[in-house]
Amino acid sequence: MSKKLKETYHRLGEIVVRKGAARPRDVDEALALQRAAIVSRKPAPRLGDILVERKVLDRHTIREILEEQKLIRGESHRLAIDLREHDDVAIVVLEGRLDETKQEHLTRVFERLMNRGFARLAVDCSRLVYINSHGVSSFVRYIDEARARGGDLKFFGLNPDTKFTLDRLGMSRFIQMFLTEDETIRAFDLAIDEYMSRGALGEYVAGVDSRLFHLSYCGAMQPMHDEDKVFFESKKHARDSGRMPCRKCRP
């Protein structure tokens, strides 16, 4: 891998801050020490060594972050899959890198879950450091199959890069993504149809004093300011407020 290409990937300091292992100030101070050594024509200490010496991080955390760098760069293709159950929801925990080398492995896991009768699947992405289009395709077939069985495939704990990949591939229009496991489990209380409209996830809104609710892009909503609107998580939430669906946008 060329030096230029390597520099497009996450550097150790960026990962440290994103994981909340150190403050940006700690990393900036360590980088300043590196630059000072370079200016003085002395051997520049590694960023990880500086952070350990200053007792910002320990060696174990540094090793974990270096392993994450290898996964992001494709120097390692490790993917660990763990399974647990919450009521009738199967939690699929992914850790590592999901690409074309691990696509078939994950597909087999979903097949076994479907064969055991699980139609409600929640994917824990909190330790998934990389995914590409091949990895995303592992989910597509099973989203349709789960919904055909009255369930769904939902996601939580995505880091910004994973979410960006799903957004770029247009998946965010069709799948539900949450911050926490509890939010994800609660979302299974409603059928996915209550969240969907015209084949995609809908955003449902009403005027504060209106008896109708609409899709967010309905023409009736465009002139209205956000402070005069009420937003609903689903069509059921809107109906439970006593409102009826708009006959024009048909949410």
C-alpha atoms as a PDB file:
ATOM      1  CA  MET A   1       0.000   0.000   0.000  1.00  0.00           C
ATOM      2  CA  SER A   2       1.413   3.379  -0.965  1.00  0.00           C
ATOM      3  CA  LYS A   3       2.136   6.055   1.633  1.00  0.00           C
ATOM      4  CA  LYS A   4      -0.445   8.337   0.000  1.00  0.00           C
ATOM      5  CA  LEU A   5      -3.141   5.657   0.219  1.00  0.00           C
ATOM      6  CA  LYS A   6      -2.314   4.822   3.823  1.00  0.00           C
ATOM      7  CA  GLU A   7      -2.762   8.457   4.767  1.00  0.00           C
ATOM      8  CA  THR A   8      -6.387   8.354   3.594  1.00  0.00           C
ATOM      9  CA  TYR A   9      -7.169   5.876   6.360  1.00  0.00           C
ATOM     10  CA  HIS A  10      -7.824   6.621  10.012  1.00  0.00           C
ATOM     11  CA  ARG A  11      -4.775   7.599  11.975  1.00  0.00           C
ATOM     12  CA  LEU A  12      -4.245   6.433  15.512  1.00  0.00           C
ATOM     13  CA  GLY A  13      -5.041   9.826  17.027  1.00  0.00           C
ATOM     14  CA  GLU A  14      -8.372  10.021  15.176  1.00  0.00           C
ATOM     15  CA  ILE A  15      -9.411   6.573  16.383  1.00  0.00           C
ATOM     16  CA  VAL A  16      -8.374   7.362  19.955  1.00  0.00           C
ATOM     17  CA  VAL A  17     -10.573  10.464  20.030  1.00  0.00           C
ATOM     18  CA  ARG A  18     -13.528   8.782  18.278  1.00  0.00           C
ATOM     19  CA  LYS A  19     -13.479   5.933  20.782  1.00  0.00           C
ATOM     20  CA  GLY A  20     -13.404   8.419  23.649  1.00  0.00           C
ATOM     21  CA  ALA A  21     -10.136   6.956  24.922  1.00  0.00           C
ATOM     22  CA  ALA A  22      -8.435  10.360  25.023  1.00  0.00           C
ATOM     23  CA  ARG A  23      -9.305  14.009  24.672  1.00  0.00           C
ATOM     24  CA  PRO A  24      -8.402  15.899  21.497  1.00  0.00           C
ATOM     25  CA  ARG A  25      -6.159  18.049  23.672  1.00  0.00           C
ATOM     26  CA  ASP A  26      -4.164  14.978  24.769  1.00  0.00           C
ATOM     27  CA  VAL A  27      -3.602  13.940  21.162  1.00  0.00           C
ATOM     28  CA  ASP A  28      -2.678  17.474  20.064  1.00  0.00           C
ATOM     29  CA  GLU A  29      -0.079  17.705  22.843  1.00  0.00           C
ATOM     30  CA  ALA A  30       1.398  14.336  21.850  1.00  0.00           C
ATOM     31  CA  LEU A  31       1.562  15.391  18.203  1.00  0.00           C
ATOM     32  CA  ALA A  32       3.314  18.613  19.258  1.00  0.00           C
ATOM     33  CA  LEU A  33       5.997  16.529  20.988  1.00  0.00           C
ATOM     34  CA  GLN A  34       6.415  14.494  17.803  1.00  0.00           C
ATOM     35  CA  ARG A  35       6.807  17.631  15.680  1.00  0.00           C
ATOM     36  CA  ALA A  36       9.292  19.126  18.139  1.00  0.00           C
ATOM     37  CA  ALA A  37      11.455  16.010  17.874  1.00  0.00           C
ATOM     38  CA  ILE A  38      11.339  16.160  14.080  1.00  0.00           C
ATOM     39  CA  VAL A  39      12.300  19.851  14.038  1.00  0.00           C
ATOM     40  CA  SER A  40      15.217  19.067  16.356  1.00  0.00           C
ATOM     41  CA  ARG A  41      16.239  16.227  14.012  1.00  0.00           C
ATOM     42  CA  LYS A  42      15.794  13.699  16.768  1.00  0.00           C
ATOM     43  CA  PRO A  43      14.069  10.310  16.372  1.00  0.00           C
ATOM     44  CA  ALA A  44      10.348  11.032  16.610  1.00  0.00           C
ATOM     45  CA  PRO A  45       8.596   8.889  19.240  1.00  0.00           C
ATOM     46  CA  ARG A  46       5.463   7.067  18.153  1.00  0.00           C
ATOM     47  CA  LEU A  47       2.177   8.663  19.104  1.00  0.00           C
ATOM     48  CA  GLY A  48       1.069   5.586  21.040  1.00  0.00           C
ATOM     49  CA  ASP A  49       4.286   5.527  23.038  1.00  0.00           C
ATOM     50  CA  ILE A  50       3.849   9.192  23.967  1.00  0.00           C
ATOM     51  CA  LEU A  51       0.258   8.626  25.124  1.00  0.00           C
ATOM     52  CA  VAL A  52       1.319   5.635  27.232  1.00  0.00           C
ATOM     53  CA  GLU A  53       4.264   7.505  28.750  1.00  0.00           C
ATOM     54  CA  ARG A  54       1.972  10.412  29.653  1.00  0.00           C
ATOM     55  CA  LYS A  55      -0.470   7.870  31.208  1.00  0.00           C
ATOM     56  CA  VAL A  56      -3.271   8.862  28.829  1.00  0.00           C
ATOM     57  CA  LEU A  57      -3.620   5.293  27.523  1.00  0.00           C
ATOM     58  CA  ASP A  58      -2.329   1.856  28.456  1.00  0.00           C
ATOM     59  CA  ARG A  59      -0.578  -0.653  26.212  1.00  0.00           C
ATOM     60  CA  HIS A  60      -3.677  -2.837  25.904  1.00  0.00           C
ATOM     61  CA  THR A  61      -5.744   0.034  24.482  1.00  0.00           C
ATOM     62  CA  ILE A  62      -2.964   0.908  22.035  1.00  0.00           C
ATOM     63  CA  ARG A  63      -2.852  -2.698  20.798  1.00  0.00           C
ATOM     64  CA  GLU A  64      -6.628  -2.678  20.278  1.00  0.00           C
ATOM     65  CA  ILE A  65      -6.446   0.535  18.248  1.00  0.00           C
ATOM     66  CA  LEU A  66      -3.552  -0.737  16.120  1.00  0.00           C
ATOM     67  CA  GLU A  67      -5.596  -3.854  15.362  1.00  0.00           C
ATOM     68  CA  GLU A  68      -8.526  -1.637  14.375  1.00  0.00           C
ATOM     69  CA  GLN A  69      -6.233   0.257  11.982  1.00  0.00           C
ATOM     70  CA  LYS A  70      -5.247  -3.024  10.314  1.00  0.00           C
ATOM     71  CA  LEU A  71      -8.921  -3.964   9.902  1.00  0.00           C
ATOM     72  CA  ILE A  72      -9.817  -0.602   8.367  1.00  0.00           C
ATOM     73  CA  ARG A  73      -6.872  -0.775   5.972  1.00  0.00           C
ATOM     74  CA  GLY A  74      -7.685  -4.329   4.920  1.00  0.00           C
ATOM     75  CA  GLU A  75      -4.422  -5.693   6.337  1.00  0.00           C
ATOM     76  CA  SER A  76      -6.578  -7.949   8.518  1.00  0.00           C
ATOM     77  CA  HIS A  77      -9.967  -9.475   7.637  1.00  0.00           C
ATOM     78  CA  ARG A  78     -11.044 -10.668  11.054  1.00  0.00           C
ATOM     79  CA  LEU A  79     -14.777 -10.785  11.724  1.00  0.00           C
ATOM     80  CA  ALA A  80     -16.156 -12.218  14.943  1.00  0.00           C
ATOM     81  CA  ILE A  81     -19.883 -12.984  15.123  1.00  0.00           C
ATOM     82  CA  ASP A  82     -21.622 -13.561  18.429  1.00  0.00           C
ATOM     83  CA  LEU A  83     -25.280 -14.354  19.048  1.00  0.00           C
ATOM     84  CA  ARG A  84     -27.549 -13.737  21.989  1.00  0.00           C
ATOM     85  CA  GLU A  85     -31.283 -13.518  22.527  1.00  0.00           C
ATOM     86  CA  HIS A  86     -33.525 -10.827  24.010  1.00  0.00           C
ATOM     87  CA  ASP A  87     -37.064 -12.181  24.315  1.00  0.00           C
ATOM     88  CA  ASP A  88     -37.857 -13.238  20.738  1.00  0.00           C
ATOM     89  CA  VAL A  89     -35.212 -10.970  19.150  1.00  0.00           C
ATOM     90  CA  ALA A  90     -31.910 -12.460  18.020  1.00  0.00           C
ATOM     91  CA  ILE A  91     -29.009 -10.057  18.597  1.00  0.00           C
ATOM     92  CA  VAL A  92     -26.236 -10.514  16.012  1.00  0.00           C
ATOM     93  CA  VAL A  93     -23.025  -8.940  17.342  1.00  0.00           C
ATOM     94  CA  LEU A  94     -20.416  -8.069  14.714  1.00  0.00           C
ATOM     95  CA  GLU A  95     -16.829  -7.252  15.599  1.00  0.00           C
ATOM     96  CA  GLY A  96     -14.140  -6.470  13.037  1.00  0.00           C
ATOM     97  CA  ARG A  97     -14.323  -6.072   9.268  1.00  0.00           C
ATOM     98  CA  LEU A  98     -17.244  -7.140   7.046  1.00  0.00           C
ATOM     99  CA  ASP A  99     -16.229  -7.369   3.399  1.00  0.00           C
ATOM    100  CA  GLU A 100     -16.328  -9.883   0.543  1.00  0.00           C
ATOM    101  CA  THR A 101     -14.075 -12.301   2.464  1.00  0.00           C
ATOM    102  CA  LYS A 102     -16.611 -12.656   5.303  1.00  0.00           C
ATOM    103  CA  GLN A 103     -19.859 -12.133   3.385  1.00  0.00           C
ATOM    104  CA  GLU A 104     -20.628 -15.848   3.038  1.00  0.00           C
ATOM    105  CA  HIS A 105     -19.895 -16.502   6.706  1.00  0.00           C
ATOM    106  CA  LEU A 106     -22.479 -13.935   7.835  1.00  0.00           C
ATOM    107  CA  THR A 107     -24.977 -15.198   5.262  1.00  0.00           C
ATOM    108  CA  ARG A 108     -24.803 -18.682   6.798  1.00  0.00           C
ATOM    109  CA  VAL A 109     -25.490 -17.214  10.246  1.00  0.00           C
ATOM    110  CA  PHE A 110     -28.634 -15.477   8.966  1.00  0.00           C
ATOM    111  CA  GLU A 111     -29.763 -18.681   7.236  1.00  0.00           C
ATOM    112  CA  ARG A 112     -29.458 -20.647  10.479  1.00  0.00           C
ATOM    113  CA  LEU A 113     -31.389 -17.990  12.396  1.00  0.00           C
ATOM    114  CA  MET A 114     -34.193 -17.986   9.823  1.00  0.00           C
ATOM    115  CA  ASN A 115     -34.338 -21.782   9.874  1.00  0.00           C
ATOM    116  CA  ARG A 116     -34.717 -21.639  13.670  1.00  0.00           C
ATOM    117  CA  GLY A 117     -37.712 -19.335  13.263  1.00  0.00           C
ATOM    118  CA  PHE A 118     -36.139 -15.975  14.140  1.00  0.00           C
ATOM    119  CA  ALA A 119     -37.752 -13.197  12.100  1.00  0.00           C
ATOM    120  CA  ARG A 120     -36.770 -10.372  14.452  1.00  0.00           C
ATOM    121  CA  LEU A 121     -33.055  -9.685  14.137  1.00  0.00           C
ATOM    122  CA  ALA A 122     -31.055  -6.822  15.641  1.00  0.00           C
ATOM    123  CA  VAL A 123     -27.504  -6.257  14.426  1.00  0.00           C
ATOM    124  CA  ASP A 124     -25.080  -4.783  16.959  1.00  0.00           C
ATOM    125  CA  CYS A 125     -22.537  -2.765  14.938  1.00  0.00           C
ATOM    126  CA  SER A 126     -20.826  -1.058  17.875  1.00  0.00           C
ATOM    127  CA  ARG A 127     -17.593  -3.010  17.272  1.00  0.00           C
ATOM    128  CA  LEU A 128     -17.856  -3.210  13.495  1.00  0.00           C
ATOM    129  CA  VAL A 129     -15.003  -1.015  12.253  1.00  0.00           C
ATOM    130  CA  TYR A 130     -15.429  -1.442   8.480  1.00  0.00           C
ATOM    131  CA  ILE A 131     -18.083  -2.507   5.978  1.00  0.00           C
ATOM    132  CA  ASN A 132     -18.219  -2.267   2.178  1.00  0.00           C
ATOM    133  CA  SER A 133     -20.909  -2.900  -0.422  1.00  0.00           C
ATOM    134  CA  HIS A 134     -20.265  -6.661  -0.355  1.00  0.00           C
ATOM    135  CA  GLY A 135     -20.820  -6.677   3.371  1.00  0.00           C
ATOM    136  CA  VAL A 136     -24.022  -4.667   3.034  1.00  0.00           C
ATOM    137  CA  SER A 137     -25.345  -7.150   0.480  1.00  0.00           C
ATOM    138  CA  SER A 138     -25.185  -9.811   3.215  1.00  0.00           C
ATOM    139  CA  PHE A 139     -28.161  -8.090   4.844  1.00  0.00           C
ATOM    140  CA  VAL A 140     -30.374  -7.282   1.851  1.00  0.00           C
ATOM    141  CA  ARG A 141     -31.920 -10.677   1.198  1.00  0.00           C
ATOM    142  CA  TYR A 142     -32.668 -11.270   4.869  1.00  0.00           C
ATOM    143  CA  ILE A 143     -34.305  -7.895   5.359  1.00  0.00           C
ATOM    144  CA  ASP A 144     -36.938  -8.876   2.793  1.00  0.00           C
ATOM    145  CA  GLU A 145     -37.294 -12.387   4.206  1.00  0.00           C
ATOM    146  CA  ALA A 146     -37.631 -11.167   7.802  1.00  0.00           C
ATOM    147  CA  ARG A 147     -40.305  -8.643   6.812  1.00  0.00           C
ATOM    148  CA  ALA A 148     -42.188 -11.284   4.834  1.00  0.00           C
ATOM    149  CA  ARG A 149     -42.344 -13.292   8.062  1.00  0.00           C
ATOM    150  CA  GLY A 150     -43.661 -10.355  10.075  1.00  0.00           C
ATOM    151  CA  GLY A 151     -40.311  -9.327  11.542  1.00  0.00           C
ATOM    152  CA  ASP A 152     -37.436  -7.102  10.523  1.00  0.00           C
ATOM    153  CA  LEU A 153     -33.677  -6.606  10.503  1.00  0.00           C
ATOM    154  CA  LYS A 154     -32.687  -3.510  12.502  1.00  0.00           C
ATOM    155  CA  PHE A 155     -29.283  -2.003  13.298  1.00  0.00           C
ATOM    156  CA  PHE A 156     -27.763  -0.160  16.240  1.00  0.00           C
ATOM    157  CA  GLY A 157     -24.452   1.207  17.466  1.00  0.00           C
ATOM    158  CA  LEU A 158     -23.120   2.201  14.045  1.00  0.00           C
ATOM    159  CA  ASN A 159     -19.979   4.332  13.980  1.00  0.00           C
ATOM    160  CA  PRO A 160     -19.941   7.335  11.595  1.00  0.00           C
ATOM    161  CA  ASP A 161     -18.039   5.471   8.853  1.00  0.00           C
ATOM    162  CA  THR A 162     -20.380   2.484   8.857  1.00  0.00           C
ATOM    163  CA  LYS A 163     -23.410   4.761   8.800  1.00  0.00           C
ATOM    164  CA  PHE A 164     -21.870   6.766   5.942  1.00  0.00           C
ATOM    165  CA  THR A 165     -21.447   3.572   3.896  1.00  0.00           C
ATOM    166  CA  LEU A 166     -25.079   2.592   4.439  1.00  0.00           C
ATOM    167  CA  ASP A 167     -26.230   6.131   3.593  1.00  0.00           C
ATOM    168  CA  ARG A 168     -24.117   6.206   0.428  1.00  0.00           C
ATOM    169  CA  LEU A 169     -25.613   2.899  -0.733  1.00  0.00           C
ATOM    170  CA  GLY A 170     -29.136   4.200  -0.117  1.00  0.00           C
ATOM    171  CA  MET A 171     -29.839   1.749   2.694  1.00  0.00           C
ATOM    172  CA  SER A 172     -30.870   4.405   5.224  1.00  0.00           C
ATOM    173  CA  ARG A 173     -34.124   4.884   3.275  1.00  0.00           C
ATOM    174  CA  PHE A 174     -35.128   1.284   3.957  1.00  0.00           C
ATOM    175  CA  ILE A 175     -33.609   0.155   7.260  1.00  0.00           C
ATOM    176  CA  GLN A 176     -33.993   1.411  10.797  1.00  0.00           C
ATOM    177  CA  MET A 177     -30.827   2.450  12.631  1.00  0.00           C
ATOM    178  CA  PHE A 178     -30.720   3.212  16.357  1.00  0.00           C
ATOM    179  CA  LEU A 179     -28.168   4.325  18.915  1.00  0.00           C
ATOM    180  CA  THR A 180     -28.844   1.683  21.557  1.00  0.00           C
ATOM    181  CA  GLU A 181     -30.038  -1.883  21.916  1.00  0.00           C
ATOM    182  CA  ASP A 182     -33.000  -0.837  24.077  1.00  0.00           C
ATOM    183  CA  GLU A 183     -34.279   1.554  21.391  1.00  0.00           C
ATOM    184  CA  THR A 184     -33.937  -1.200  18.808  1.00  0.00           C
ATOM    185  CA  ILE A 185     -35.823  -3.775  20.871  1.00  0.00           C
ATOM    186  CA  ARG A 186     -38.665  -1.323  21.556  1.00  0.00           C
ATOM    187  CA  ALA A 187     -39.012  -0.625  17.816  1.00  0.00           C
ATOM    188  CA  PHE A 188     -40.038  -4.272  17.294  1.00  0.00           C
ATOM    189  CA  ASP A 189     -43.248  -3.571  19.218  1.00  0.00           C
ATOM    190  CA  LEU A 190     -44.694  -2.214  15.973  1.00  0.00           C
ATOM    191  CA  ALA A 191     -44.844  -3.952  12.611  1.00  0.00           C
ATOM    192  CA  ILE A 192     -42.421  -2.452  10.089  1.00  0.00           C
ATOM    193  CA  ASP A 193     -45.392  -1.375   7.938  1.00  0.00           C
ATOM    194  CA  GLU A 194     -46.181   1.264  10.562  1.00  0.00           C
ATOM    195  CA  TYR A 195     -42.836   2.907   9.777  1.00  0.00           C
ATOM    196  CA  MET A 196     -42.901   2.422   5.993  1.00  0.00           C
ATOM    197  CA  SER A 197     -44.670   4.306   3.248  1.00  0.00           C
ATOM    198  CA  ARG A 198     -44.387   3.578  -0.488  1.00  0.00           C
ATOM    199  CA  GLY A 199     -41.569   1.111   0.074  1.00  0.00           C
ATOM    200  CA  ALA A 200     -39.352   3.390   2.173  1.00  0.00           C
ATOM    201  CA  LEU A 201     -39.144   4.658   5.730  1.00  0.00           C
ATOM    202  CA  GLY A 202     -41.428   7.649   6.146  1.00  0.00           C
ATOM    203  CA  GLU A 203     -41.273  10.755   8.314  1.00  0.00           C
ATOM    204  CA  TYR A 204     -44.736  11.591   9.592  1.00  0.00           C
ATOM    205  CA  VAL A 205     -45.736  15.098  10.578  1.00  0.00           C
ATOM    206  CA  ALA A 206     -48.805  17.182  11.378  1.00  0.00           C
ATOM    207  CA  GLY A 207     -49.604  20.766  12.110  1.00  0.00           C
ATOM    208  CA  VAL A 208     -50.001  21.475  15.819  1.00  0.00           C
ATOM    209  CA  ASP A 209     -53.709  22.227  15.405  1.00  0.00           C
ATOM    210  CA  SER A 210     -54.374  19.955  12.430  1.00  0.00           C
ATOM    211  CA  ARG A 211     -56.546  16.842  12.457  1.00  0.00           C
ATOM    212  CA  LEU A 212     -54.482  15.277   9.634  1.00  0.00           C
ATOM    213  CA  PHE A 213     -50.976  13.814   9.498  1.00  0.00           C
ATOM    214  CA  HIS A 214     -48.760  13.810   6.411  1.00  0.00           C
ATOM    215  CA  LEU A 215     -45.527  12.599   4.918  1.00  0.00           C
ATOM    216  CA  SER A 216     -42.864  15.239   5.549  1.00  0.00           C
ATOM    217  CA  TYR A 217     -42.651  16.177   1.858  1.00  0.00           C
ATOM    218  CA  CYS A 218     -46.397  16.700   1.458  1.00  0.00           C
ATOM    219  CA  GLY A 219     -47.148  20.070  -0.125  1.00  0.00           C
ATOM    220  CA  ALA A 220     -49.473  20.931   2.737  1.00  0.00           C
ATOM    221  CA  MET A 221     -46.472  20.908   5.113  1.00  0.00           C
ATOM    222  CA  GLN A 222     -43.981  22.912   3.064  1.00  0.00           C
ATOM    223  CA  PRO A 223     -45.077  26.450   4.031  1.00  0.00           C
ATOM    224  CA  MET A 224     -45.214  25.555   7.726  1.00  0.00           C
ATOM    225  CA  HIS A 225     -42.346  26.293  10.132  1.00  0.00           C
ATOM    226  CA  ASP A 226     -40.941  23.413  12.187  1.00  0.00           C
ATOM    227  CA  GLU A 227     -42.067  24.990  15.450  1.00  0.00           C
ATOM    228  CA  ASP A 228     -45.655  24.682  14.206  1.00  0.00           C
ATOM    229  CA  LYS A 229     -45.284  20.972  13.425  1.00  0.00           C
ATOM    230  CA  VAL A 230     -45.599  17.771  15.416  1.00  0.00           C
ATOM    231  CA  PHE A 231     -43.417  14.828  14.342  1.00  0.00           C
ATOM    232  CA  PHE A 232     -44.356  11.171  14.833  1.00  0.00           C
ATOM    233  CA  GLU A 233     -42.212   8.061  15.008  1.00  0.00           C
ATOM    234  CA  SER A 234     -44.739   5.999  13.059  1.00  0.00           C
ATOM    235  CA  LYS A 235     -48.173   6.090  11.482  1.00  0.00           C
ATOM    236  CA  LYS A 236     -49.570   4.394  14.581  1.00  0.00           C
ATOM    237  CA  HIS A 237     -48.215   7.146  16.822  1.00  0.00           C
ATOM    238  CA  ALA A 238     -49.885   9.684  14.545  1.00  0.00           C
ATOM    239  CA  ARG A 239     -53.218   7.817  14.605  1.00  0.00           C
ATOM    240  CA  ASP A 240     -53.026   7.452  18.381  1.00  0.00           C
ATOM    241  CA  SER A 241     -52.845  11.243  18.609  1.00  0.00           C
ATOM    242  CA  GLY A 242     -56.341  11.347  17.095  1.00  0.00           C
ATOM    243  CA  ARG A 243     -55.214  12.366  13.608  1.00  0.00           C
ATOM    244  CA  MET A 244     -56.225  10.897  10.254  1.00  0.00           C
ATOM    245  CA  PRO A 245     -53.953  10.344   7.229  1.00  0.00           C
ATOM    246  CA  CYS A 246     -53.845  13.045   4.567  1.00  0.00           C
ATOM    247  CA  ARG A 247     -55.781  12.041   1.436  1.00  0.00           C
ATOM    248  CA  LYS A 248     -53.291  13.828  -0.785  1.00  0.00           C
ATOM    249  CA  CYS A 249     -49.932  12.290   0.232  1.00  0.00           C
ATOM    250  CA  ARG A 250     -51.500   9.081   1.633  1.00  0.00           C
ATOM    251  CA  PRO A 251     -48.910   8.292   4.316  1.00  0.00           C
END
